[in-house]
Amino acid sequence: MLSPVPVDAAEPAEVPDATPDAMPDDQLMLAYAGGDTGAFDVLYARHEGALFRFVRRLLGQRLAAEVDEVFQETWVRIITARDSFSPQGAAWRTWAFTIAHNLAMDRLRASGRQRVVQVHDDDDEGLDAVQRISGQLLNGQGQPVDAAHPSAEDVAFWRSAGKRLLACLNELPDDQRAAFLLHHEDGFTVEAMVAALDVGFETVRSRLRYGLKKLRGCMARYLSVLGEGA
């Protein structure tokens, strides 16, 4: 609690308002709800990539054609719900990812039985996924890859690993894939995932445990390079 200001205290210097780029997400959302459209532009630029990537990887190859629509619907929901957002609830990022998660899961449930699809990686999506999840790429001998000057063999090895990872993610049950992506790629804590997924703590831990176990088995060849058992 702030101490009361003495009556004879000097008038404090006026502190300039923080620029939108420096404001935290929650304050940006409140500013947008108050009519500051520039605050929304900052929020969108800050989180566009992560939200799109999450929706794309959660929907997977079988619903790749619906990624743009779900992504756009996520932002429409964020816009229309701006007046109901409260920083006393979930943090803005958790709130936004919850919206994206729920919309994507609705599409997955509506799509019915999963089809077997051929995974393509023309834009190095898999390579990006491996980098984000592993933190550092190793070559086929388990040595760090020079990111600035990778050899052709290193690039080929990890493109292959990335393509395999996308295929393995597609094979996971939808709820396990969502949990894995939120935790291992987007950095959500288990507590934040409980709020985002609206399930119990142990349910989240179980989804993570079983999803990771399946991925380890599916990615055994590449994990052996990292010195991790399947």
C-alpha atoms as a PDB file:
ATOM      1  CA  MET A   1       0.000   0.000   0.000  1.00  0.00           C
ATOM      2  CA  LEU A   2       1.321   3.463  -0.850  1.00  0.00           C
ATOM      3  CA  SER A   3       2.092   5.789   2.054  1.00  0.00           C
ATOM      4  CA  PRO A   4       0.016   8.990   2.213  1.00  0.00           C
ATOM      5  CA  VAL A   5       1.709  12.027   0.686  1.00  0.00           C
ATOM      6  CA  PRO A   6       2.531  14.727   3.290  1.00  0.00           C
ATOM      7  CA  VAL A   7       0.510  17.899   2.902  1.00  0.00           C
ATOM      8  CA  ASP A   8       3.596  20.022   2.458  1.00  0.00           C
ATOM      9  CA  ALA A   9       5.265  17.664   0.033  1.00  0.00           C
ATOM     10  CA  ALA A  10       6.419  19.105  -3.251  1.00  0.00           C
ATOM     11  CA  GLU A  11       4.208  18.453  -6.244  1.00  0.00           C
ATOM     12  CA  PRO A  12       5.606  15.328  -7.935  1.00  0.00           C
ATOM     13  CA  ALA A  13       6.850  15.606 -11.450  1.00  0.00           C
ATOM     14  CA  GLU A  14       4.382  14.360 -14.018  1.00  0.00           C
ATOM     15  CA  VAL A  15       5.315  10.929 -15.338  1.00  0.00           C
ATOM     16  CA  PRO A  16       4.639  10.542 -19.038  1.00  0.00           C
ATOM     17  CA  ASP A  17       2.325   7.746 -20.073  1.00  0.00           C
ATOM     18  CA  ALA A  18       4.061   4.596 -21.239  1.00  0.00           C
ATOM     19  CA  THR A  19       4.136   4.122 -24.982  1.00  0.00           C
ATOM     20  CA  PRO A  20       1.947   1.255 -26.262  1.00  0.00           C
ATOM     21  CA  ASP A  21       4.994  -0.801 -27.254  1.00  0.00           C
ATOM     22  CA  ALA A  22       6.165  -0.790 -23.640  1.00  0.00           C
ATOM     23  CA  MET A  23       2.790  -1.603 -22.099  1.00  0.00           C
ATOM     24  CA  PRO A  24       1.976  -5.128 -20.861  1.00  0.00           C
ATOM     25  CA  ASP A  25      -0.721  -7.095 -22.650  1.00  0.00           C
ATOM     26  CA  ASP A  26      -3.397  -6.600 -19.993  1.00  0.00           C
ATOM     27  CA  GLN A  27      -3.030  -2.817 -20.074  1.00  0.00           C
ATOM     28  CA  LEU A  28      -3.099  -2.809 -23.858  1.00  0.00           C
ATOM     29  CA  MET A  29      -6.381  -4.711 -23.849  1.00  0.00           C
ATOM     30  CA  LEU A  30      -7.910  -2.308 -21.332  1.00  0.00           C
ATOM     31  CA  ALA A  31      -6.708   0.636 -23.407  1.00  0.00           C
ATOM     32  CA  TYR A  32      -8.243  -0.910 -26.513  1.00  0.00           C
ATOM     33  CA  ALA A  33     -11.536  -1.468 -24.679  1.00  0.00           C
ATOM     34  CA  GLY A  34     -11.387   2.236 -23.827  1.00  0.00           C
ATOM     35  CA  GLY A  35     -11.140   3.204 -27.488  1.00  0.00           C
ATOM     36  CA  ASP A  36      -7.395   3.150 -28.201  1.00  0.00           C
ATOM     37  CA  THR A  37      -7.207   1.265 -31.497  1.00  0.00           C
ATOM     38  CA  GLY A  38      -3.430   1.671 -31.548  1.00  0.00           C
ATOM     39  CA  ALA A  39      -3.244  -0.552 -28.464  1.00  0.00           C
ATOM     40  CA  PHE A  40      -4.923  -3.332 -30.411  1.00  0.00           C
ATOM     41  CA  ASP A  41      -2.421  -2.939 -33.246  1.00  0.00           C
ATOM     42  CA  VAL A  42       0.412  -3.522 -30.757  1.00  0.00           C
ATOM     43  CA  LEU A  43      -1.322  -6.584 -29.283  1.00  0.00           C
ATOM     44  CA  TYR A  44      -1.886  -8.044 -32.729  1.00  0.00           C
ATOM     45  CA  ALA A  45       1.705  -7.479 -33.852  1.00  0.00           C
ATOM     46  CA  ARG A  46       3.010  -8.928 -30.591  1.00  0.00           C
ATOM     47  CA  HIS A  47       1.015 -12.168 -30.670  1.00  0.00           C
ATOM     48  CA  GLU A  48       0.007 -12.738 -34.296  1.00  0.00           C
ATOM     49  CA  GLY A  49       2.823 -15.200 -35.030  1.00  0.00           C
ATOM     50  CA  ALA A  50       2.464 -17.323 -31.895  1.00  0.00           C
ATOM     51  CA  LEU A  51      -1.316 -17.598 -32.154  1.00  0.00           C
ATOM     52  CA  PHE A  52      -1.223 -18.470 -35.837  1.00  0.00           C
ATOM     53  CA  ARG A  53       1.483 -21.081 -35.270  1.00  0.00           C
ATOM     54  CA  PHE A  54      -0.496 -22.627 -32.392  1.00  0.00           C
ATOM     55  CA  VAL A  55      -3.698 -22.848 -34.441  1.00  0.00           C
ATOM     56  CA  ARG A  56      -1.842 -24.284 -37.449  1.00  0.00           C
ATOM     57  CA  ARG A  57      -0.080 -26.996 -35.467  1.00  0.00           C
ATOM     58  CA  LEU A  58      -3.124 -27.868 -33.395  1.00  0.00           C
ATOM     59  CA  LEU A  59      -5.359 -28.280 -36.446  1.00  0.00           C
ATOM     60  CA  GLY A  60      -2.627 -30.260 -38.189  1.00  0.00           C
ATOM     61  CA  GLN A  61      -2.409 -31.356 -41.780  1.00  0.00           C
ATOM     62  CA  ARG A  62      -5.930 -32.699 -42.054  1.00  0.00           C
ATOM     63  CA  LEU A  63      -7.473 -29.285 -41.328  1.00  0.00           C
ATOM     64  CA  ALA A  64      -4.736 -27.119 -42.843  1.00  0.00           C
ATOM     65  CA  ALA A  65      -7.276 -25.422 -45.115  1.00  0.00           C
ATOM     66  CA  GLU A  66      -9.172 -24.110 -42.070  1.00  0.00           C
ATOM     67  CA  VAL A  67      -6.220 -22.536 -40.245  1.00  0.00           C
ATOM     68  CA  ASP A  68      -6.723 -19.006 -41.607  1.00  0.00           C
ATOM     69  CA  GLU A  69     -10.424 -19.059 -40.796  1.00  0.00           C
ATOM     70  CA  VAL A  70      -9.900 -20.232 -37.198  1.00  0.00           C
ATOM     71  CA  PHE A  71      -7.079 -17.731 -36.721  1.00  0.00           C
ATOM     72  CA  GLN A  72      -9.245 -14.856 -37.962  1.00  0.00           C
ATOM     73  CA  GLU A  73     -12.182 -16.023 -35.855  1.00  0.00           C
ATOM     74  CA  THR A  74      -9.906 -16.011 -32.807  1.00  0.00           C
ATOM     75  CA  TRP A  75      -9.169 -12.317 -33.302  1.00  0.00           C
ATOM     76  CA  VAL A  76     -12.821 -11.538 -34.004  1.00  0.00           C
ATOM     77  CA  ARG A  77     -13.687 -13.141 -30.656  1.00  0.00           C
ATOM     78  CA  ILE A  78     -10.956 -11.135 -28.938  1.00  0.00           C
ATOM     79  CA  ILE A  79     -12.308  -7.929 -30.468  1.00  0.00           C
ATOM     80  CA  THR A  80     -15.952  -8.576 -29.629  1.00  0.00           C
ATOM     81  CA  ALA A  81     -15.088  -9.623 -26.055  1.00  0.00           C
ATOM     82  CA  ARG A  82     -12.878  -6.609 -25.346  1.00  0.00           C
ATOM     83  CA  ASP A  83     -15.320  -5.084 -22.862  1.00  0.00           C
ATOM     84  CA  SER A  84     -15.542  -8.298 -20.842  1.00  0.00           C
ATOM     85  CA  PHE A  85     -11.793  -8.827 -20.434  1.00  0.00           C
ATOM     86  CA  SER A  86     -10.623  -8.518 -16.836  1.00  0.00           C
ATOM     87  CA  PRO A  87      -6.973  -8.588 -15.736  1.00  0.00           C
ATOM     88  CA  GLN A  88      -8.185 -10.054 -12.447  1.00  0.00           C
ATOM     89  CA  GLY A  89      -8.977 -13.226 -14.376  1.00  0.00           C
ATOM     90  CA  ALA A  90      -6.508 -15.002 -16.613  1.00  0.00           C
ATOM     91  CA  ALA A  91      -3.623 -13.053 -18.118  1.00  0.00           C
ATOM     92  CA  TRP A  92      -4.387 -11.711 -21.594  1.00  0.00           C
ATOM     93  CA  ARG A  93      -2.123 -14.244 -23.325  1.00  0.00           C
ATOM     94  CA  THR A  94      -3.751 -17.164 -21.506  1.00  0.00           C
ATOM     95  CA  TRP A  95      -7.178 -15.725 -22.301  1.00  0.00           C
ATOM     96  CA  ALA A  96      -6.338 -15.314 -26.008  1.00  0.00           C
ATOM     97  CA  PHE A  97      -4.837 -18.788 -26.353  1.00  0.00           C
ATOM     98  CA  THR A  98      -7.887 -20.228 -24.598  1.00  0.00           C
ATOM     99  CA  ILE A  99     -10.090 -18.696 -27.286  1.00  0.00           C
ATOM    100  CA  ALA A 100      -7.846 -20.085 -30.041  1.00  0.00           C
ATOM    101  CA  HIS A 101      -7.720 -23.512 -28.369  1.00  0.00           C
ATOM    102  CA  ASN A 102     -11.484 -23.761 -27.985  1.00  0.00           C
ATOM    103  CA  LEU A 103     -12.186 -22.719 -31.566  1.00  0.00           C
ATOM    104  CA  ALA A 104      -9.614 -25.148 -32.965  1.00  0.00           C
ATOM    105  CA  MET A 105     -10.869 -28.023 -30.809  1.00  0.00           C
ATOM    106  CA  ASP A 106     -14.430 -27.347 -31.985  1.00  0.00           C
ATOM    107  CA  ARG A 107     -13.221 -27.714 -35.590  1.00  0.00           C
ATOM    108  CA  LEU A 108     -11.347 -30.909 -34.777  1.00  0.00           C
ATOM    109  CA  ARG A 109     -14.380 -32.442 -33.098  1.00  0.00           C
ATOM    110  CA  ALA A 110     -16.628 -31.409 -35.981  1.00  0.00           C
ATOM    111  CA  SER A 111     -14.247 -32.881 -38.553  1.00  0.00           C
ATOM    112  CA  GLY A 112     -15.027 -36.415 -37.406  1.00  0.00           C
ATOM    113  CA  ARG A 113     -12.766 -39.362 -37.976  1.00  0.00           C
ATOM    114  CA  GLN A 114      -9.112 -38.574 -38.567  1.00  0.00           C
ATOM    115  CA  ARG A 115      -7.763 -39.197 -42.036  1.00  0.00           C
ATOM    116  CA  VAL A 116      -4.253 -40.348 -42.856  1.00  0.00           C
ATOM    117  CA  VAL A 117      -2.455 -37.495 -44.600  1.00  0.00           C
ATOM    118  CA  GLN A 118       0.918 -36.999 -46.228  1.00  0.00           C
ATOM    119  CA  VAL A 119       2.954 -34.403 -44.355  1.00  0.00           C
ATOM    120  CA  HIS A 120       4.630 -31.755 -46.503  1.00  0.00           C
ATOM    121  CA  ASP A 121       7.192 -29.273 -45.248  1.00  0.00           C
ATOM    122  CA  ASP A 122       7.820 -26.968 -48.173  1.00  0.00           C
ATOM    123  CA  ASP A 123       8.189 -23.883 -45.937  1.00  0.00           C
ATOM    124  CA  ASP A 124      10.399 -25.481 -43.249  1.00  0.00           C
ATOM    125  CA  GLU A 125       7.537 -25.512 -40.752  1.00  0.00           C
ATOM    126  CA  GLY A 126       8.899 -28.710 -39.226  1.00  0.00           C
ATOM    127  CA  LEU A 127      12.409 -27.297 -38.916  1.00  0.00           C
ATOM    128  CA  ASP A 128      10.988 -24.283 -37.075  1.00  0.00           C
ATOM    129  CA  ALA A 129       9.044 -26.599 -34.745  1.00  0.00           C
ATOM    130  CA  VAL A 130      12.146 -28.610 -33.900  1.00  0.00           C
ATOM    131  CA  GLN A 131      14.141 -25.460 -33.164  1.00  0.00           C
ATOM    132  CA  ARG A 132      11.472 -24.026 -30.882  1.00  0.00           C
ATOM    133  CA  ILE A 133      10.995 -27.241 -28.949  1.00  0.00           C
ATOM    134  CA  SER A 134      14.600 -28.435 -28.678  1.00  0.00           C
ATOM    135  CA  GLY A 135      16.161 -24.993 -28.249  1.00  0.00           C
ATOM    136  CA  GLN A 136      19.293 -25.978 -30.167  1.00  0.00           C
ATOM    137  CA  LEU A 137      19.855 -28.118 -33.224  1.00  0.00           C
ATOM    138  CA  LEU A 138      22.469 -30.856 -33.198  1.00  0.00           C
ATOM    139  CA  ASN A 139      23.938 -32.618 -36.188  1.00  0.00           C
ATOM    140  CA  GLY A 140      23.830 -36.338 -36.896  1.00  0.00           C
ATOM    141  CA  GLN A 141      26.803 -36.865 -34.570  1.00  0.00           C
ATOM    142  CA  GLY A 142      25.211 -35.040 -31.637  1.00  0.00           C
ATOM    143  CA  GLN A 143      27.300 -31.868 -32.024  1.00  0.00           C
ATOM    144  CA  PRO A 144      25.786 -28.349 -32.021  1.00  0.00           C
ATOM    145  CA  VAL A 145      24.923 -27.013 -35.450  1.00  0.00           C
ATOM    146  CA  ASP A 146      26.400 -23.670 -36.481  1.00  0.00           C
ATOM    147  CA  ALA A 147      23.143 -21.802 -37.052  1.00  0.00           C
ATOM    148  CA  ALA A 148      24.887 -19.164 -39.147  1.00  0.00           C
ATOM    149  CA  HIS A 149      26.695 -21.657 -41.376  1.00  0.00           C
ATOM    150  CA  PRO A 150      24.946 -25.055 -41.250  1.00  0.00           C
ATOM    151  CA  SER A 151      26.246 -27.739 -43.548  1.00  0.00           C
ATOM    152  CA  ALA A 152      24.025 -29.236 -46.222  1.00  0.00           C
ATOM    153  CA  GLU A 153      24.007 -32.484 -44.236  1.00  0.00           C
ATOM    154  CA  ASP A 154      22.842 -30.691 -41.073  1.00  0.00           C
ATOM    155  CA  VAL A 155      20.027 -28.928 -42.911  1.00  0.00           C
ATOM    156  CA  ALA A 156      18.896 -32.164 -44.566  1.00  0.00           C
ATOM    157  CA  PHE A 157      19.002 -34.062 -41.252  1.00  0.00           C
ATOM    158  CA  TRP A 158      16.891 -31.531 -39.362  1.00  0.00           C
ATOM    159  CA  ARG A 159      14.454 -30.955 -42.189  1.00  0.00           C
ATOM    160  CA  SER A 160      13.856 -34.675 -42.055  1.00  0.00           C
ATOM    161  CA  ALA A 161      13.471 -34.474 -38.275  1.00  0.00           C
ATOM    162  CA  GLY A 162      11.047 -31.574 -38.621  1.00  0.00           C
ATOM    163  CA  LYS A 163       8.905 -33.408 -41.126  1.00  0.00           C
ATOM    164  CA  ARG A 164       8.847 -36.403 -38.803  1.00  0.00           C
ATOM    165  CA  LEU A 165       7.869 -34.200 -35.844  1.00  0.00           C
ATOM    166  CA  LEU A 166       4.914 -32.752 -37.748  1.00  0.00           C
ATOM    167  CA  ALA A 167       3.785 -36.265 -38.611  1.00  0.00           C
ATOM    168  CA  CYS A 168       4.181 -37.376 -34.979  1.00  0.00           C
ATOM    169  CA  LEU A 169       2.195 -34.380 -33.737  1.00  0.00           C
ATOM    170  CA  ASN A 170      -0.576 -35.223 -36.181  1.00  0.00           C
ATOM    171  CA  GLU A 171      -0.761 -38.726 -34.724  1.00  0.00           C
ATOM    172  CA  LEU A 172      -1.336 -37.506 -31.165  1.00  0.00           C
ATOM    173  CA  PRO A 173      -4.866 -37.313 -29.774  1.00  0.00           C
ATOM    174  CA  ASP A 174      -6.114 -33.742 -30.108  1.00  0.00           C
ATOM    175  CA  ASP A 175      -6.085 -32.962 -26.373  1.00  0.00           C
ATOM    176  CA  GLN A 176      -2.539 -34.274 -25.950  1.00  0.00           C
ATOM    177  CA  ARG A 177      -1.326 -32.307 -28.968  1.00  0.00           C
ATOM    178  CA  ALA A 178      -2.865 -29.115 -27.559  1.00  0.00           C
ATOM    179  CA  ALA A 179      -1.222 -29.660 -24.176  1.00  0.00           C
ATOM    180  CA  PHE A 180       2.162 -30.413 -25.732  1.00  0.00           C
ATOM    181  CA  LEU A 181       2.120 -27.329 -27.959  1.00  0.00           C
ATOM    182  CA  LEU A 182       1.029 -24.979 -25.191  1.00  0.00           C
ATOM    183  CA  HIS A 183       3.638 -26.250 -22.742  1.00  0.00           C
ATOM    184  CA  HIS A 184       6.685 -27.121 -24.820  1.00  0.00           C
ATOM    185  CA  GLU A 185       6.398 -24.574 -27.612  1.00  0.00           C
ATOM    186  CA  ASP A 186       4.448 -21.622 -26.235  1.00  0.00           C
ATOM    187  CA  GLY A 187       5.841 -21.822 -22.696  1.00  0.00           C
ATOM    188  CA  PHE A 188       2.612 -22.185 -20.724  1.00  0.00           C
ATOM    189  CA  THR A 189       3.022 -23.409 -17.154  1.00  0.00           C
ATOM    190  CA  VAL A 190       0.828 -26.266 -15.981  1.00  0.00           C
ATOM    191  CA  GLU A 191      -1.138 -23.755 -13.897  1.00  0.00           C
ATOM    192  CA  ALA A 192      -1.770 -21.551 -16.952  1.00  0.00           C
ATOM    193  CA  MET A 193      -2.826 -24.619 -18.928  1.00  0.00           C
ATOM    194  CA  VAL A 194      -5.344 -25.560 -16.241  1.00  0.00           C
ATOM    195  CA  ALA A 195      -6.940 -22.151 -16.831  1.00  0.00           C
ATOM    196  CA  ALA A 196      -6.650 -22.292 -20.620  1.00  0.00           C
ATOM    197  CA  LEU A 197      -7.951 -25.844 -21.024  1.00  0.00           C
ATOM    198  CA  ASP A 198     -10.487 -25.706 -18.170  1.00  0.00           C
ATOM    199  CA  VAL A 199      -9.429 -29.094 -16.815  1.00  0.00           C
ATOM    200  CA  GLY A 200      -7.837 -30.303 -13.581  1.00  0.00           C
ATOM    201  CA  PHE A 201      -4.145 -30.136 -12.709  1.00  0.00           C
ATOM    202  CA  GLU A 202      -3.672 -33.892 -12.893  1.00  0.00           C
ATOM    203  CA  THR A 203      -5.491 -34.076 -16.217  1.00  0.00           C
ATOM    204  CA  VAL A 204      -3.045 -31.590 -17.705  1.00  0.00           C
ATOM    205  CA  ARG A 205      -0.069 -33.476 -16.297  1.00  0.00           C
ATOM    206  CA  SER A 206      -1.463 -36.736 -17.671  1.00  0.00           C
ATOM    207  CA  ARG A 207      -1.957 -35.285 -21.162  1.00  0.00           C
ATOM    208  CA  LEU A 208       1.587 -33.945 -21.142  1.00  0.00           C
ATOM    209  CA  ARG A 209       3.051 -37.205 -19.874  1.00  0.00           C
ATOM    210  CA  TYR A 210       1.273 -39.471 -22.352  1.00  0.00           C
ATOM    211  CA  GLY A 211       1.740 -37.082 -25.254  1.00  0.00           C
ATOM    212  CA  LEU A 212       5.457 -36.779 -24.607  1.00  0.00           C
ATOM    213  CA  LYS A 213       5.807 -40.546 -24.254  1.00  0.00           C
ATOM    214  CA  LYS A 214       4.182 -41.086 -27.650  1.00  0.00           C
ATOM    215  CA  LEU A 215       6.304 -38.406 -29.271  1.00  0.00           C
ATOM    216  CA  ARG A 216       9.484 -39.911 -27.821  1.00  0.00           C
ATOM    217  CA  GLY A 217       8.596 -43.251 -29.342  1.00  0.00           C
ATOM    218  CA  CYS A 218       7.690 -41.676 -32.672  1.00  0.00           C
ATOM    219  CA  MET A 219      10.861 -39.540 -32.745  1.00  0.00           C
ATOM    220  CA  ALA A 220      13.216 -42.209 -31.374  1.00  0.00           C
ATOM    221  CA  ARG A 221      15.711 -41.972 -34.228  1.00  0.00           C
ATOM    222  CA  TYR A 222      16.241 -38.234 -33.787  1.00  0.00           C
ATOM    223  CA  LEU A 223      16.113 -38.229 -29.989  1.00  0.00           C
ATOM    224  CA  SER A 224      18.980 -40.719 -29.955  1.00  0.00           C
ATOM    225  CA  VAL A 225      21.110 -37.986 -31.545  1.00  0.00           C
ATOM    226  CA  LEU A 226      20.303 -35.762 -28.577  1.00  0.00           C
ATOM    227  CA  GLY A 227      21.274 -38.519 -26.176  1.00  0.00           C
ATOM    228  CA  GLU A 228      17.673 -39.067 -25.063  1.00  0.00           C
ATOM    229  CA  GLY A 229      16.110 -42.466 -24.985  1.00  0.00           C
ATOM    230  CA  ALA A 230      12.809 -43.165 -26.626  1.00  0.00           C
END
